[in-house]
Amino acid sequence: MAKIVLTNVHVKVATVDLSDHINSVSLSSSAAEVETTAFGTGHVTRVGGLKDDSIALGFHQDFAAAEVEATIGSLVGTIGTVVVIPAGTVVSAANPSYTCEVLFTEWAPLDGSVGDLSTASITWPCNSVTKATA
């Protein structure tokens, strides 16, 4: 199995390519643990419940038109999409795309100390995640 070094992740937020302003990405999925233990089992039993997905992104801030702040600043409280492709823009079985329907719950347009690069880190919940290989 090939190992992947993330050097060319492609990320679109609400159809705007912000790849050149993103330095980290994490797509996570979990399922609620629902206990189903009944008498006579001798063990706690469980099943998977509702799934919960999220995407976390780290941004280098940019206030120019059609860049980070202009794209994300007005999205808080709305639902939209984030598309992530691990290695460039060509989707294949070895380079799938992940389309997340997200609720834009947070945005911090300014974060840093004197002399720091202005960055923003967010985590948005996903209503759904669709994986495509073509």
Protein backbone atom coordinates (compact mmCIF):
# COMPACT_ATOMS: atom_id res chain seq x y z
CA MET A 1 0.00 0.00 0.00
CA ALA A 2 1.35 3.41 -0.97
CA LYS A 3 2.09 5.97 1.69
CA ILE A 4 0.81 9.49 1.21
CA VAL A 5 2.60 12.70 2.08
CA LEU A 6 0.18 15.61 1.95
CA THR A 7 1.80 18.23 -0.26
CA ASN A 8 -0.93 19.17 -2.74
CA VAL A 9 -4.29 18.85 -0.98
CA HIS A 10 -7.04 20.58 -2.96
CA VAL A 11 -9.73 22.30 -0.85
CA LYS A 12 -12.76 24.23 -2.03
CA VAL A 13 -14.97 26.08 0.43
CA ALA A 14 -18.35 27.06 -1.04
CA THR A 15 -16.91 26.55 -4.58
CA VAL A 16 -13.87 28.81 -3.95
CA ASP A 17 -10.44 27.15 -4.19
CA LEU A 18 -8.60 28.11 -1.00
CA SER A 19 -5.93 25.39 -1.25
CA ASP A 20 -3.06 27.89 -1.33
CA HIS A 21 -4.22 29.35 2.01
CA ILE A 22 -4.71 26.08 3.93
CA ASN A 23 -1.96 24.38 5.94
CA SER A 24 -3.90 21.58 7.66
CA VAL A 25 -6.96 19.45 7.05
CA SER A 26 -8.64 16.72 9.09
CA LEU A 27 -11.82 14.87 8.14
CA SER A 28 -13.24 12.86 11.05
CA SER A 29 -16.12 10.42 11.44
CA SER A 30 -17.56 8.80 14.55
CA ALA A 31 -20.68 6.92 15.59
CA ALA A 32 -22.57 7.15 18.85
CA GLU A 33 -22.21 4.14 21.11
CA VAL A 34 -25.70 2.86 22.00
CA GLU A 35 -25.88 0.30 24.78
CA THR A 36 -28.11 -2.73 24.12
CA THR A 37 -27.34 -4.84 27.19
CA ALA A 38 -30.11 -7.21 28.26
CA PHE A 39 -30.48 -9.72 31.05
CA GLY A 40 -28.54 -12.96 30.64
CA THR A 41 -25.80 -11.64 28.33
CA GLY A 42 -23.05 -11.40 30.93
CA HIS A 43 -21.46 -8.56 28.99
CA VAL A 44 -22.30 -5.04 28.03
CA THR A 45 -23.40 -5.03 24.38
CA ARG A 46 -23.48 -2.09 22.03
CA VAL A 47 -24.46 -1.03 18.54
CA GLY A 48 -23.44 1.95 16.48
CA GLY A 49 -25.88 4.83 16.55
CA LEU A 50 -25.98 8.15 14.78
CA LYS A 51 -22.87 9.12 12.84
CA ASP A 52 -21.16 12.44 13.45
CA ASP A 53 -18.67 13.84 10.93
CA SER A 54 -16.59 16.99 11.01
CA ILE A 55 -13.89 18.77 9.07
CA ALA A 56 -11.11 20.85 10.60
CA LEU A 57 -9.08 23.30 8.53
CA GLY A 58 -6.15 25.57 9.29
CA PHE A 59 -6.03 28.77 7.23
CA HIS A 60 -3.47 31.45 6.47
CA GLN A 61 -5.62 34.57 6.62
CA ASP A 62 -6.06 36.81 3.59
CA PHE A 63 -8.43 39.78 3.39
CA ALA A 64 -8.20 40.25 -0.41
CA ALA A 65 -11.28 39.86 -2.63
CA ALA A 66 -12.27 36.22 -3.32
CA GLU A 67 -9.81 34.93 -0.72
CA VAL A 68 -10.24 33.54 2.81
CA GLU A 69 -12.12 36.28 4.72
CA ALA A 70 -14.22 37.28 1.70
CA THR A 71 -15.25 33.65 1.19
CA ILE A 72 -15.89 32.53 4.76
CA GLY A 73 -16.79 35.69 6.69
CA SER A 74 -20.43 35.77 5.63
CA LEU A 75 -21.02 31.99 5.77
CA VAL A 76 -21.39 31.59 9.56
CA GLY A 77 -24.82 30.14 10.31
CA THR A 78 -25.36 28.83 6.78
CA ILE A 79 -25.02 25.41 5.17
CA GLY A 80 -22.66 24.84 2.25
CA THR A 81 -20.04 22.47 0.91
CA VAL A 82 -16.37 21.81 1.42
CA VAL A 83 -14.60 19.54 -1.10
CA VAL A 84 -11.26 17.93 -0.27
CA ILE A 85 -9.04 15.98 -2.69
CA PRO A 86 -5.83 14.58 -1.13
CA ALA A 87 -3.46 15.03 -4.10
CA GLY A 88 -4.35 17.68 -6.65
CA THR A 89 -7.54 17.96 -8.66
CA VAL A 90 -7.77 14.66 -10.57
CA VAL A 91 -10.18 12.32 -8.76
CA SER A 92 -9.57 8.56 -8.99
CA ALA A 93 -9.77 5.41 -6.89
CA ALA A 94 -6.29 6.25 -5.59
CA ASN A 95 -7.16 9.95 -5.05
CA PRO A 96 -10.82 10.19 -3.94
CA SER A 97 -12.69 13.40 -3.32
CA TYR A 98 -14.70 14.01 -0.16
CA THR A 99 -17.65 16.40 -0.37
CA CYS A 100 -18.90 17.56 2.99
CA GLU A 101 -22.18 19.36 3.51
CA VAL A 102 -21.19 21.55 6.44
CA LEU A 103 -22.83 23.92 8.85
CA PHE A 104 -20.48 26.90 9.00
CA THR A 105 -20.62 27.29 12.80
CA GLU A 106 -17.55 29.38 13.49
CA TRP A 107 -15.02 31.79 12.07
CA ALA A 108 -12.20 33.75 13.69
CA PRO A 109 -11.02 36.34 11.18
CA LEU A 110 -7.99 37.32 13.24
CA ASP A 111 -5.74 35.23 15.48
CA GLY A 112 -2.11 35.73 16.41
CA SER A 113 0.44 37.68 18.38
CA VAL A 114 2.94 40.32 17.42
CA GLY A 115 5.14 39.03 14.61
CA ASP A 116 2.96 35.95 13.96
CA LEU A 117 1.42 34.84 10.70
CA SER A 118 -2.30 35.60 10.87
CA THR A 119 -4.06 32.25 10.92
CA ALA A 120 -7.48 30.78 11.61
CA SER A 121 -8.36 27.25 12.72
CA ILE A 122 -11.92 25.97 12.48
CA THR A 123 -13.90 22.78 12.93
CA TRP A 124 -17.24 22.54 11.15
CA PRO A 125 -19.80 19.74 11.65
CA CYS A 126 -20.76 17.83 8.50
CA ASN A 127 -24.35 16.85 7.79
CA SER A 128 -23.05 14.34 5.25
CA VAL A 129 -19.80 13.22 3.65
CA THR A 130 -19.75 11.76 0.15
CA LYS A 131 -16.71 9.98 -1.23
CA ALA A 132 -16.23 9.91 -5.00
CA THR A 133 -13.63 8.00 -7.01
CA ALA A 134 -14.41 9.25 -10.50
